[in-house]
Amino acid sequence: IFICAGVVHPKAIEYLKGRNLVITQKVLAFPYYINLKDFSYAAVGLSVAHTLSYLATYLSHKNIIFIGQDLAYAENGNSHPDDYQNSANYESQMYEHILTTAYGGNGKVETHSIWLLFKNWFENEMIPNTRKMGITTYNCTEGGARIKGAIEKPFLWACENLLDKDLNKPFEKLEPLSLNKQNEFLLKAYYKVCKS
């Protein structure tokens, strides 16, 4: 299943044509106003990793595996991969550099205030709460900033030890809303917007 935020580039949707795809929207006031709040919760979070952590929790997964959560500048000072659309050093001069503990606990790496916000949310909100629910969080990024409370393991280890060979999960089959039900929601929303 591919889960995309409503603000995803249209090309992403084009590339995923014919696949199982869910498009979510951010939790904003408008869905509540038009009484579509039941369709607005899937995209909670500051980043993709935050959103998927919530989703994994709601789906009662026992393990959450982070990859790509560097939350720090590369050794060469780049903020993004070389092929990033806005340039590899897109955020390199945008923010003040702040030192934080490196992955593995040995030494320091440079980060910035937004990445620290993401890191602090994982450490102070998500990981303590999911731990109470019996969910273990692994940081398999193999670099960047340490995320306290996450167990640091190589990604290969996570694949070999945590991923079930039998991926036949007993998920309930979800059916899309009928066209009549979709139209009913649209008409009610349209009426509410026009009335205001």
Protein backbone atom coordinates (compact mmCIF):
# COMPACT_ATOMS: atom_id res chain seq x y z
CA ILE A 1 0.00 0.00 0.00
CA PHE A 2 1.35 3.42 -0.94
CA ILE A 3 0.30 6.27 1.35
CA CYS A 4 0.71 9.79 -0.02
CA ALA A 5 -0.10 13.14 1.53
CA GLY A 6 -2.59 15.24 -0.39
CA VAL A 7 0.20 17.70 -1.18
CA VAL A 8 2.27 15.06 -3.01
CA HIS A 9 3.55 15.96 -6.47
CA PRO A 10 1.05 14.86 -9.16
CA LYS A 11 3.82 12.81 -10.83
CA ALA A 12 3.92 10.54 -7.76
CA ILE A 13 0.26 9.66 -8.29
CA GLU A 14 0.93 9.10 -11.97
CA TYR A 15 3.83 6.73 -11.17
CA LEU A 16 1.64 4.76 -8.76
CA LYS A 17 -1.26 4.28 -11.17
CA GLY A 18 -2.73 0.79 -10.83
CA ARG A 19 -1.23 0.27 -7.35
CA ASN A 20 -2.97 0.25 -3.97
CA LEU A 21 -2.89 3.93 -3.08
CA VAL A 22 -4.24 6.01 -0.21
CA ILE A 23 -4.16 9.80 -0.44
CA THR A 24 -4.46 11.52 2.92
CA GLN A 25 -4.98 15.11 3.85
CA LYS A 26 -3.52 17.05 6.73
CA VAL A 27 -5.63 17.57 9.82
CA LEU A 28 -7.04 20.99 9.06
CA ALA A 29 -10.14 22.86 10.17
CA PHE A 30 -11.92 22.57 6.81
CA PRO A 31 -12.70 18.79 6.98
CA TYR A 32 -14.20 19.38 10.41
CA TYR A 33 -16.24 22.30 9.17
CA ILE A 34 -17.80 20.28 6.34
CA ASN A 35 -18.25 17.28 8.66
CA LEU A 36 -15.68 15.03 6.98
CA LYS A 37 -13.49 14.66 10.08
CA ASP A 38 -13.59 10.86 9.82
CA PHE A 39 -11.52 11.19 6.65
CA SER A 40 -8.88 13.57 7.99
CA TYR A 41 -6.82 11.74 10.60
CA ALA A 42 -4.42 9.60 8.56
CA ALA A 43 -1.91 12.39 7.89
CA VAL A 44 -1.14 13.42 11.45
CA GLY A 45 2.44 14.50 11.98
CA LEU A 46 5.21 16.89 11.10
CA SER A 47 6.89 14.63 8.55
CA VAL A 48 6.45 11.40 6.63
CA ALA A 49 8.11 9.48 9.48
CA HIS A 50 5.76 11.00 12.05
CA THR A 51 2.71 10.20 9.93
CA LEU A 52 3.79 6.61 9.35
CA SER A 53 4.60 6.16 13.05
CA TYR A 54 1.01 7.10 13.86
CA LEU A 55 -0.27 4.78 11.15
CA ALA A 56 1.86 1.85 12.35
CA THR A 57 0.55 2.45 15.87
CA TYR A 58 -3.09 2.53 14.71
CA LEU A 59 -2.53 -0.71 12.78
CA SER A 60 -1.11 -2.33 15.96
CA HIS A 61 2.30 -3.13 14.50
CA LYS A 62 4.76 -4.43 17.08
CA ASN A 63 7.82 -2.82 15.49
CA ILE A 64 8.46 0.57 13.92
CA ILE A 65 11.61 0.75 11.80
CA PHE A 66 13.12 4.12 10.89
CA ILE A 67 15.29 4.41 7.80
CA GLY A 68 16.42 7.70 6.36
CA GLN A 69 15.90 9.61 9.62
CA ASP A 70 19.35 11.22 9.64
CA LEU A 71 18.01 14.47 11.11
CA ALA A 72 21.51 15.88 10.62
CA TYR A 73 23.77 17.33 7.97
CA ALA A 74 26.07 14.96 6.10
CA GLU A 75 29.80 15.10 6.86
CA ASN A 76 30.25 17.32 3.78
CA GLY A 77 27.60 19.73 5.10
CA ASN A 78 24.86 18.74 2.66
CA SER A 79 21.29 18.70 3.91
CA HIS A 80 19.95 16.35 1.22
CA PRO A 81 21.11 13.63 -1.20
CA ASP A 82 23.01 14.71 -4.31
CA ASP A 83 19.97 14.14 -6.56
CA TYR A 84 17.53 16.17 -4.39
CA GLN A 85 15.30 18.35 -6.58
CA ASN A 86 16.24 21.63 -4.85
CA SER A 87 20.00 20.84 -4.56
CA ALA A 88 22.00 18.77 -2.10
CA ASN A 89 22.78 21.80 0.09
CA TYR A 90 19.27 23.24 -0.06
CA GLU A 91 19.02 23.71 3.74
CA SER A 92 22.74 23.85 4.48
CA GLN A 93 22.86 27.65 4.96
CA MET A 94 19.20 28.20 5.80
CA TYR A 95 19.40 27.46 9.54
CA GLU A 96 21.86 27.81 12.38
CA HIS A 97 23.83 24.58 12.85
CA ILE A 98 23.36 22.94 16.27
CA LEU A 99 25.39 20.04 17.68
CA THR A 100 23.60 16.89 18.87
CA THR A 101 24.66 13.35 19.76
CA ALA A 102 25.48 11.18 16.75
CA TYR A 103 23.89 7.83 15.88
CA GLY A 104 25.71 5.21 17.92
CA GLY A 105 26.43 7.72 20.70
CA ASN A 106 30.00 8.42 19.59
CA GLY A 107 30.61 12.06 18.87
CA LYS A 108 28.42 14.88 17.64
CA VAL A 109 26.73 15.78 14.38
CA GLU A 110 25.32 19.08 13.16
CA THR A 111 21.57 19.49 12.87
CA HIS A 112 19.14 22.42 12.84
CA SER A 113 16.11 23.52 14.85
CA ILE A 114 13.46 21.89 12.62
CA TRP A 115 15.19 18.51 12.62
CA LEU A 116 15.63 18.84 16.40
CA LEU A 117 11.89 19.45 16.68
CA PHE A 118 11.27 16.20 14.76
CA LYS A 119 13.82 14.33 16.90
CA ASN A 120 12.39 15.68 20.17
CA TRP A 121 8.88 14.60 19.18
CA PHE A 122 10.12 11.05 18.57
CA GLU A 123 12.02 11.01 21.87
CA ASN A 124 9.48 12.72 24.13
CA GLU A 125 6.12 11.79 22.63
CA MET A 126 6.06 8.94 20.14
CA ILE A 127 8.59 6.46 21.54
CA PRO A 128 7.49 6.65 25.23
CA ASN A 129 3.83 6.28 24.25
CA THR A 130 4.34 3.42 21.80
CA ARG A 131 6.60 1.64 24.31
CA LYS A 132 3.65 1.60 26.76
CA MET A 133 1.66 -0.16 24.03
CA GLY A 134 4.31 -2.86 23.57
CA ILE A 135 5.68 -1.36 20.34
CA THR A 136 9.45 -1.29 19.82
CA THR A 137 11.07 1.44 17.71
CA TYR A 138 14.26 0.71 15.79
CA ASN A 139 16.47 3.35 14.20
CA CYS A 140 18.07 1.62 11.20
CA THR A 141 19.27 4.81 9.51
CA GLU A 142 22.90 3.91 10.33
CA GLY A 143 23.97 7.53 10.62
CA GLY A 144 22.92 11.05 11.45
CA ALA A 145 21.55 12.00 14.86
CA ARG A 146 20.81 9.60 17.70
CA ILE A 147 17.10 9.26 18.49
CA LYS A 148 16.99 8.42 22.21
CA GLY A 149 14.72 5.50 23.02
CA ALA A 150 15.04 3.90 19.59
CA ILE A 151 17.13 0.74 19.35
CA GLU A 152 19.95 1.31 16.86
CA LYS A 153 20.44 -1.61 14.47
CA PRO A 154 21.67 -1.98 10.89
CA PHE A 155 18.85 -2.08 8.36
CA LEU A 156 19.97 -5.53 7.17
CA TRP A 157 19.59 -6.83 10.74
CA ALA A 158 16.04 -5.45 10.88
CA CYS A 159 15.17 -7.10 7.57
CA GLU A 160 16.59 -10.46 8.65
CA ASN A 161 15.18 -10.44 12.19
CA LEU A 162 11.98 -8.40 12.20
CA LEU A 163 10.36 -8.80 8.81
CA ASP A 164 8.06 -11.79 8.69
CA LYS A 165 8.60 -14.07 5.72
CA ASP A 166 4.84 -14.66 5.59
CA LEU A 167 3.48 -11.26 4.60
CA ASN A 168 -0.09 -12.55 4.39
CA LYS A 169 -1.45 -10.22 7.06
CA PRO A 170 -5.05 -10.73 8.13
CA PHE A 171 -6.11 -7.18 7.28
CA GLU A 172 -9.78 -6.57 6.80
CA LYS A 173 -10.55 -5.80 3.17
CA LEU A 174 -11.65 -2.20 2.84
CA GLU A 175 -14.17 -1.34 0.19
CA PRO A 176 -14.32 2.14 -1.33
CA LEU A 177 -17.40 4.20 -0.66
CA SER A 178 -20.13 3.73 -3.22
CA LEU A 179 -20.61 6.53 -5.73
CA ASN A 180 -23.95 7.36 -4.06
CA LYS A 181 -22.27 7.71 -0.64
CA GLN A 182 -19.47 9.84 -2.12
CA ASN A 183 -22.04 12.11 -3.78
CA GLU A 184 -23.99 12.36 -0.53
CA PHE A 185 -20.87 13.59 1.31
CA LEU A 186 -20.04 16.00 -1.52
CA LEU A 187 -23.55 17.46 -1.60
CA LYS A 188 -23.64 17.93 2.17
CA ALA A 189 -20.24 19.63 2.08
CA TYR A 190 -21.25 21.79 -0.88
CA TYR A 191 -24.47 22.82 0.90
CA LYS A 192 -22.58 23.74 4.08
CA VAL A 193 -20.02 25.83 2.15
CA CYS A 194 -22.69 27.60 0.07
CA LYS A 195 -24.84 28.26 3.14
CA SER A 196 -21.96 29.99 4.89
